[in-house]
Amino acid sequence: MFCFVTDVAFSAVNGGNTIMTEDNMKFVNVLLNLGDGYNRNTGLFTAPIDGVYSFTAQVCNNEDMSVQIRTNHSIVAYTQLLTSNIIVCGATTGVVLLDKGDVVGVFVYVRVQQSGYNQFIGHLI
């Protein structure tokens, strides 16, 4: 299998950890990591090359929450979930121009019970 420098894509889901308000989510089960841009220990993606990237995050929870995909502290995409003690899932997608070394992550603003339904996906367009 060949992986060229322009092959940049990742897909990760998370396990059974709990995160608190304003933390970035760590998606520890990495399903794909072409270009080695995603770091399962930090939950952050670092662009290995300049380019236009697409990112999608899905988060499920049973409490109201806000979910952001952020790069270098700027919001790329945002969604807010309102629930009534039932588990709901929300997804958001953003497209952004990144320079090599720019960092992207998923940030939540509520306590989240992480499950395998939560995922973070990105790729170079």
C-alpha atoms as a PDB file:
ATOM      1  CA  MET A   1       0.000   0.000   0.000  1.00  0.00           C
ATOM      2  CA  PHE A   2       1.351   3.394  -1.000  1.00  0.00           C
ATOM      3  CA  CYS A   3       0.707   6.540   1.005  1.00  0.00           C
ATOM      4  CA  PHE A   4       1.756   9.713  -0.774  1.00  0.00           C
ATOM      5  CA  VAL A   5       2.256  12.992   1.052  1.00  0.00           C
ATOM      6  CA  THR A   6      -1.023  14.205  -0.461  1.00  0.00           C
ATOM      7  CA  ASP A   7      -2.937  11.279   1.080  1.00  0.00           C
ATOM      8  CA  VAL A   8      -4.272  12.882   4.246  1.00  0.00           C
ATOM      9  CA  ALA A   9      -7.367  11.463   5.922  1.00  0.00           C
ATOM     10  CA  PHE A  10      -8.381  10.224   9.347  1.00  0.00           C
ATOM     11  CA  SER A  11     -11.358   8.682  11.087  1.00  0.00           C
ATOM     12  CA  ALA A  12     -11.564   8.131  14.832  1.00  0.00           C
ATOM     13  CA  VAL A  13     -14.217   7.213  17.394  1.00  0.00           C
ATOM     14  CA  ASN A  14     -13.964   7.292  21.158  1.00  0.00           C
ATOM     15  CA  GLY A  15     -14.279   4.841  23.970  1.00  0.00           C
ATOM     16  CA  GLY A  16     -15.955   5.025  27.353  1.00  0.00           C
ATOM     17  CA  ASN A  17     -14.253   8.042  28.917  1.00  0.00           C
ATOM     18  CA  THR A  18     -15.974  11.135  30.291  1.00  0.00           C
ATOM     19  CA  ILE A  19     -14.853  14.650  29.415  1.00  0.00           C
ATOM     20  CA  MET A  20     -15.742  17.889  31.103  1.00  0.00           C
ATOM     21  CA  THR A  21     -16.784  21.314  29.878  1.00  0.00           C
ATOM     22  CA  GLU A  22     -14.516  23.144  27.429  1.00  0.00           C
ATOM     23  CA  ASP A  23     -12.158  20.225  26.912  1.00  0.00           C
ATOM     24  CA  ASN A  24     -11.274  18.891  23.529  1.00  0.00           C
ATOM     25  CA  MET A  25     -12.579  15.405  22.900  1.00  0.00           C
ATOM     26  CA  LYS A  26     -10.095  12.582  22.530  1.00  0.00           C
ATOM     27  CA  PHE A  27     -11.195  10.036  19.958  1.00  0.00           C
ATOM     28  CA  VAL A  28      -8.928   7.169  20.963  1.00  0.00           C
ATOM     29  CA  ASN A  29     -10.026   4.425  18.571  1.00  0.00           C
ATOM     30  CA  VAL A  30      -8.349   5.402  15.307  1.00  0.00           C
ATOM     31  CA  LEU A  31      -9.834   3.661  12.289  1.00  0.00           C
ATOM     32  CA  LEU A  32      -7.773   5.462   9.614  1.00  0.00           C
ATOM     33  CA  ASN A  33      -4.814   7.842   9.820  1.00  0.00           C
ATOM     34  CA  LEU A  34      -3.262   8.457   6.391  1.00  0.00           C
ATOM     35  CA  GLY A  35      -0.507  11.034   6.700  1.00  0.00           C
ATOM     36  CA  ASP A  36      -0.313  10.546  10.494  1.00  0.00           C
ATOM     37  CA  GLY A  37      -1.977  13.898  11.200  1.00  0.00           C
ATOM     38  CA  TYR A  38      -4.323  12.683  13.952  1.00  0.00           C
ATOM     39  CA  ASN A  39      -2.953  12.171  17.478  1.00  0.00           C
ATOM     40  CA  ARG A  40      -5.094   9.815  19.582  1.00  0.00           C
ATOM     41  CA  ASN A  41      -3.372  10.939  22.810  1.00  0.00           C
ATOM     42  CA  THR A  42      -4.345  14.597  22.388  1.00  0.00           C
ATOM     43  CA  GLY A  43      -7.441  14.190  20.199  1.00  0.00           C
ATOM     44  CA  LEU A  44      -6.034  16.817  17.859  1.00  0.00           C
ATOM     45  CA  PHE A  45      -5.276  16.789  14.137  1.00  0.00           C
ATOM     46  CA  THR A  46      -2.157  18.602  12.923  1.00  0.00           C
ATOM     47  CA  ALA A  47      -2.072  19.403   9.202  1.00  0.00           C
ATOM     48  CA  PRO A  48       0.933  17.649   7.667  1.00  0.00           C
ATOM     49  CA  ILE A  49       0.702  19.806   4.512  1.00  0.00           C
ATOM     50  CA  ASP A  50      -0.943  23.042   3.357  1.00  0.00           C
ATOM     51  CA  GLY A  51      -4.369  22.649   1.796  1.00  0.00           C
ATOM     52  CA  VAL A  52      -8.136  22.772   2.029  1.00  0.00           C
ATOM     53  CA  TYR A  53      -9.531  20.275   4.528  1.00  0.00           C
ATOM     54  CA  SER A  54     -12.999  19.059   5.437  1.00  0.00           C
ATOM     55  CA  PHE A  55     -13.820  18.021   9.010  1.00  0.00           C
ATOM     56  CA  THR A  56     -16.920  16.396  10.484  1.00  0.00           C
ATOM     57  CA  ALA A  57     -17.698  15.725  14.132  1.00  0.00           C
ATOM     58  CA  GLN A  58     -20.613  13.766  15.564  1.00  0.00           C
ATOM     59  CA  VAL A  59     -21.284  13.822  19.293  1.00  0.00           C
ATOM     60  CA  CYS A  60     -24.041  12.018  21.202  1.00  0.00           C
ATOM     61  CA  ASN A  61     -25.208  12.921  24.699  1.00  0.00           C
ATOM     62  CA  ASN A  62     -28.239  13.111  26.967  1.00  0.00           C
ATOM     63  CA  GLU A  63     -27.633  16.727  28.094  1.00  0.00           C
ATOM     64  CA  ASP A  64     -27.823  20.032  26.222  1.00  0.00           C
ATOM     65  CA  MET A  65     -24.447  20.857  24.691  1.00  0.00           C
ATOM     66  CA  SER A  66     -22.510  22.892  22.191  1.00  0.00           C
ATOM     67  CA  VAL A  67     -19.982  21.267  19.887  1.00  0.00           C
ATOM     68  CA  GLN A  68     -17.279  23.147  17.993  1.00  0.00           C
ATOM     69  CA  ILE A  69     -14.652  22.146  15.493  1.00  0.00           C
ATOM     70  CA  ARG A  70     -11.845  24.658  16.078  1.00  0.00           C
ATOM     71  CA  THR A  71      -8.521  25.404  14.474  1.00  0.00           C
ATOM     72  CA  ASN A  72      -5.954  27.569  16.190  1.00  0.00           C
ATOM     73  CA  HIS A  73      -8.763  28.877  18.463  1.00  0.00           C
ATOM     74  CA  SER A  74     -11.043  29.876  15.557  1.00  0.00           C
ATOM     75  CA  ILE A  75     -14.402  28.157  15.078  1.00  0.00           C
ATOM     76  CA  VAL A  76     -14.621  26.162  11.836  1.00  0.00           C
ATOM     77  CA  ALA A  77     -18.030  24.583  12.505  1.00  0.00           C
ATOM     78  CA  TYR A  78     -20.560  24.653  15.334  1.00  0.00           C
ATOM     79  CA  THR A  79     -23.744  22.913  16.427  1.00  0.00           C
ATOM     80  CA  GLN A  80     -25.897  22.990  19.523  1.00  0.00           C
ATOM     81  CA  LEU A  81     -27.969  20.089  20.820  1.00  0.00           C
ATOM     82  CA  LEU A  82     -31.024  20.518  23.001  1.00  0.00           C
ATOM     83  CA  THR A  83     -32.328  17.356  24.610  1.00  0.00           C
ATOM     84  CA  SER A  84     -34.700  16.218  27.308  1.00  0.00           C
ATOM     85  CA  ASN A  85     -32.853  13.401  29.085  1.00  0.00           C
ATOM     86  CA  ILE A  86     -32.725  11.206  25.989  1.00  0.00           C
ATOM     87  CA  ILE A  87     -29.605  10.516  24.001  1.00  0.00           C
ATOM     88  CA  VAL A  88     -29.404  12.569  20.831  1.00  0.00           C
ATOM     89  CA  CYS A  89     -26.614  12.900  18.291  1.00  0.00           C
ATOM     90  CA  GLY A  90     -25.599  16.008  16.400  1.00  0.00           C
ATOM     91  CA  ALA A  91     -23.092  16.465  13.618  1.00  0.00           C
ATOM     92  CA  THR A  92     -21.345  19.469  12.136  1.00  0.00           C
ATOM     93  CA  THR A  93     -19.044  19.847   9.140  1.00  0.00           C
ATOM     94  CA  GLY A  94     -16.636  22.599   8.172  1.00  0.00           C
ATOM     95  CA  VAL A  95     -14.191  23.301   5.369  1.00  0.00           C
ATOM     96  CA  VAL A  96     -11.071  25.306   6.113  1.00  0.00           C
ATOM     97  CA  LEU A  97      -7.771  26.312   4.536  1.00  0.00           C
ATOM     98  CA  LEU A  98      -4.910  25.103   6.737  1.00  0.00           C
ATOM     99  CA  ASP A  99      -1.200  25.740   6.736  1.00  0.00           C
ATOM    100  CA  LYS A 100       1.175  22.930   7.617  1.00  0.00           C
ATOM    101  CA  GLY A 101       1.229  22.665  11.416  1.00  0.00           C
ATOM    102  CA  ASP A 102      -2.238  24.136  12.035  1.00  0.00           C
ATOM    103  CA  VAL A 103      -4.148  22.201  14.690  1.00  0.00           C
ATOM    104  CA  VAL A 104      -7.833  21.165  14.628  1.00  0.00           C
ATOM    105  CA  GLY A 105      -9.931  19.616  17.392  1.00  0.00           C
ATOM    106  CA  VAL A 106     -13.464  19.029  18.619  1.00  0.00           C
ATOM    107  CA  PHE A 107     -14.474  20.977  21.723  1.00  0.00           C
ATOM    108  CA  VAL A 108     -17.628  20.482  23.773  1.00  0.00           C
ATOM    109  CA  TYR A 109     -19.310  22.713  26.308  1.00  0.00           C
ATOM    110  CA  VAL A 110     -20.908  20.255  28.721  1.00  0.00           C
ATOM    111  CA  ARG A 111     -20.016  16.993  30.414  1.00  0.00           C
ATOM    112  CA  VAL A 112     -20.152  14.209  27.799  1.00  0.00           C
ATOM    113  CA  GLN A 113     -20.290  10.475  28.321  1.00  0.00           C
ATOM    114  CA  GLN A 114     -18.130   9.338  25.457  1.00  0.00           C
ATOM    115  CA  SER A 115     -19.311   6.408  23.399  1.00  0.00           C
ATOM    116  CA  GLY A 116     -18.512   4.698  20.132  1.00  0.00           C
ATOM    117  CA  TYR A 117     -21.138   6.852  18.430  1.00  0.00           C
ATOM    118  CA  ASN A 118     -18.948   9.942  18.813  1.00  0.00           C
ATOM    119  CA  GLN A 119     -16.611  10.439  15.869  1.00  0.00           C
ATOM    120  CA  PHE A 120     -14.189  12.887  14.306  1.00  0.00           C
ATOM    121  CA  ILE A 121     -13.359  12.639  10.614  1.00  0.00           C
ATOM    122  CA  GLY A 122     -11.203  14.789   8.362  1.00  0.00           C
ATOM    123  CA  HIS A 123      -9.496  14.758   5.000  1.00  0.00           C
ATOM    124  CA  LEU A 124      -7.584  16.874   2.545  1.00  0.00           C
ATOM    125  CA  ILE A 125      -9.842  17.902  -0.324  1.00  0.00           C
END
